[in-house]
Amino acid sequence: MSDDLILPILLETRTIAVVGISDKLGRPSLTVSSYLKDHGYEVLPVNPNLSSVAHVPCYPDLKSLPVTPDLVVIFRKAVDVPDVVREAVATAVPRIWIQEGIVSEEGARMGEIAGMAVVMDKCIMKEHARLSREGRLKTDHA
């Protein structure tokens, strides 16, 4: 995954659905979501087992969201990724980010075939921070 793919995703995205978010402090999904929110992105939590996360309504699935997000960040087991990608395709999401430590060649291929920008096995928070430090992300989305 090159910066030529990652940088436009971070620059063009405003609304991010986080699938598999947890409400437990210290969990990567909550830490990353908080970071993204702090840097000006609108974060839409998606987890069928939660009603809210950090006082923000949580949605059971992508089709229940009030808007189509610019990006879906996936914090689910690799075996679950294809189903999330199918749902993202059905709701016309243009970008998928399969979080660091999660590898689903099938899910990534499905997204690419559907014409989505796909990043896999990278941390969106780490990439945002790195590109910001390098001066390639000039400002936060606000």
Protein backbone atom coordinates (compact mmCIF):
# COMPACT_ATOMS: atom_id res chain seq x y z
CA MET A 1 0.00 0.00 0.00
CA SER A 2 1.65 3.15 -1.15
CA ASP A 3 1.19 6.71 0.00
CA ASP A 4 -0.28 7.37 -3.46
CA LEU A 5 -3.31 5.36 -2.32
CA ILE A 6 -3.36 6.28 1.37
CA LEU A 7 -2.94 10.06 1.09
CA PRO A 8 -5.99 10.68 -1.14
CA ILE A 9 -8.12 8.51 1.13
CA LEU A 10 -7.17 10.57 4.18
CA LEU A 11 -7.57 13.88 2.34
CA GLU A 12 -10.89 13.11 0.64
CA THR A 13 -12.61 11.37 3.55
CA ARG A 14 -14.84 13.29 5.93
CA THR A 15 -17.18 10.62 7.32
CA ILE A 16 -15.87 7.28 8.61
CA ALA A 17 -17.93 4.28 9.68
CA VAL A 18 -15.99 2.15 12.16
CA VAL A 19 -17.28 -1.43 11.94
CA GLY A 20 -16.53 -3.52 15.00
CA ILE A 21 -15.99 -0.58 17.33
CA SER A 22 -15.74 -1.33 21.04
CA ASP A 23 -16.82 0.88 23.94
CA LYS A 24 -14.03 -0.47 26.16
CA LEU A 25 -11.16 1.88 27.01
CA GLY A 26 -7.85 0.73 25.62
CA ARG A 27 -9.36 -1.22 22.73
CA PRO A 28 -7.71 -0.28 19.41
CA SER A 29 -11.04 0.46 17.71
CA LEU A 30 -11.99 3.01 20.37
CA THR A 31 -8.50 4.55 20.47
CA VAL A 32 -8.37 4.91 16.68
CA SER A 33 -11.93 6.28 16.51
CA SER A 34 -11.17 8.88 19.17
CA TYR A 35 -8.02 9.92 17.30
CA LEU A 36 -9.93 10.28 14.03
CA LYS A 37 -12.67 12.31 15.72
CA ASP A 38 -10.03 14.53 17.37
CA HIS A 39 -8.58 15.16 13.89
CA GLY A 40 -11.83 16.39 12.41
CA TYR A 41 -13.39 13.28 10.92
CA GLU A 42 -17.02 12.43 11.64
CA VAL A 43 -17.00 8.93 13.12
CA LEU A 44 -20.06 6.68 12.87
CA PRO A 45 -19.80 3.70 15.25
CA VAL A 46 -21.10 0.37 13.90
CA ASN A 47 -21.64 -2.56 16.26
CA PRO A 48 -24.93 -4.43 16.64
CA ASN A 49 -24.20 -5.10 20.32
CA LEU A 50 -23.92 -1.45 21.39
CA SER A 51 -26.44 1.40 21.49
CA SER A 52 -23.82 4.15 21.80
CA VAL A 53 -20.09 4.75 22.02
CA ALA A 54 -18.74 7.85 23.79
CA HIS A 55 -22.24 9.39 23.74
CA VAL A 56 -22.56 8.87 19.97
CA PRO A 57 -25.35 6.61 18.67
CA CYS A 58 -24.05 3.25 17.48
CA TYR A 59 -25.62 1.60 14.44
CA PRO A 60 -26.15 -2.15 14.00
CA ASP A 61 -24.88 -2.22 10.40
CA LEU A 62 -23.86 -0.02 7.47
CA LYS A 63 -27.33 0.05 5.93
CA SER A 64 -28.68 1.63 9.14
CA LEU A 65 -26.38 4.65 8.96
CA PRO A 66 -28.06 8.03 8.36
CA VAL A 67 -25.53 8.85 5.61
CA THR A 68 -23.25 6.92 3.27
CA PRO A 69 -19.78 7.21 4.78
CA ASP A 70 -16.75 8.17 2.70
CA LEU A 71 -14.79 5.32 4.28
CA VAL A 72 -15.42 2.14 6.24
CA VAL A 73 -12.70 1.11 8.69
CA ILE A 74 -12.99 -2.56 9.60
CA PHE A 75 -12.08 -3.87 13.06
CA ARG A 76 -13.43 -7.40 12.64
CA LYS A 77 -11.88 -10.84 12.29
CA ALA A 78 -10.55 -11.62 8.82
CA VAL A 79 -13.29 -14.19 8.29
CA ASP A 80 -15.93 -11.44 8.75
CA VAL A 81 -14.35 -8.94 6.34
CA PRO A 82 -16.00 -10.21 3.12
CA ASP A 83 -19.47 -9.75 4.64
CA VAL A 84 -18.61 -6.20 5.70
CA VAL A 85 -17.26 -5.44 2.22
CA ARG A 86 -20.43 -6.86 0.62
CA GLU A 87 -22.50 -4.54 2.78
CA ALA A 88 -20.23 -1.60 1.93
CA VAL A 89 -20.61 -2.36 -1.78
CA ALA A 90 -24.41 -2.54 -1.38
CA THR A 91 -24.47 0.86 0.32
CA ALA A 92 -22.12 2.48 -2.25
CA VAL A 93 -19.23 3.20 0.11
CA PRO A 94 -16.23 4.26 -2.03
CA ARG A 95 -13.36 3.28 0.30
CA ILE A 96 -12.49 0.40 2.64
CA TRP A 97 -9.71 0.33 5.24
CA ILE A 98 -9.00 -3.11 6.72
CA GLN A 99 -7.20 -2.30 9.95
CA GLU A 100 -3.68 -3.35 10.91
CA GLY A 101 -3.37 -7.03 11.79
CA ILE A 102 -6.38 -8.04 9.70
CA VAL A 103 -5.73 -9.70 6.33
CA SER A 104 -8.55 -10.78 4.04
CA GLU A 105 -7.42 -11.19 0.46
CA GLU A 106 -10.99 -12.14 -0.46
CA GLY A 107 -12.43 -8.98 1.13
CA ALA A 108 -9.79 -6.74 -0.43
CA ARG A 109 -10.32 -8.30 -3.86
CA MET A 110 -14.09 -7.88 -3.56
CA GLY A 111 -13.65 -4.19 -2.78
CA GLU A 112 -11.21 -3.64 -5.62
CA ILE A 113 -13.48 -5.45 -8.12
CA ALA A 114 -16.30 -3.14 -6.99
CA GLY A 115 -14.07 -0.13 -7.75
CA MET A 116 -13.32 0.81 -4.15
CA ALA A 117 -10.04 2.16 -2.87
CA VAL A 118 -8.81 -0.54 -0.46
CA VAL A 119 -6.11 -0.41 2.23
CA MET A 120 -5.37 -3.57 4.19
CA ASP A 121 -3.24 -4.44 7.23
CA LYS A 122 -2.33 -0.83 8.04
CA CYS A 123 -3.42 1.33 10.97
CA ILE A 124 -5.29 4.42 9.80
CA MET A 125 -4.25 6.29 12.95
CA LYS A 126 -0.55 5.48 12.47
CA GLU A 127 -0.68 6.40 8.78
CA HIS A 128 -2.47 9.69 9.51
CA ALA A 129 0.05 10.57 12.23
CA ARG A 130 3.03 9.67 10.01
CA LEU A 131 1.81 11.67 7.03
CA SER A 132 1.01 14.61 9.32
CA ARG A 133 4.53 14.50 10.81
CA GLU A 134 5.95 14.44 7.29
CA GLY A 135 3.93 17.55 6.45
CA ARG A 136 1.87 15.78 3.79
CA LEU A 137 -1.40 16.22 5.69
CA LYS A 138 -1.34 19.95 6.31
CA THR A 139 -4.47 20.32 8.42
CA ASP A 140 -7.07 18.25 10.12
CA HIS A 141 -10.56 18.00 8.68
CA ALA A 142 -12.69 20.47 10.51
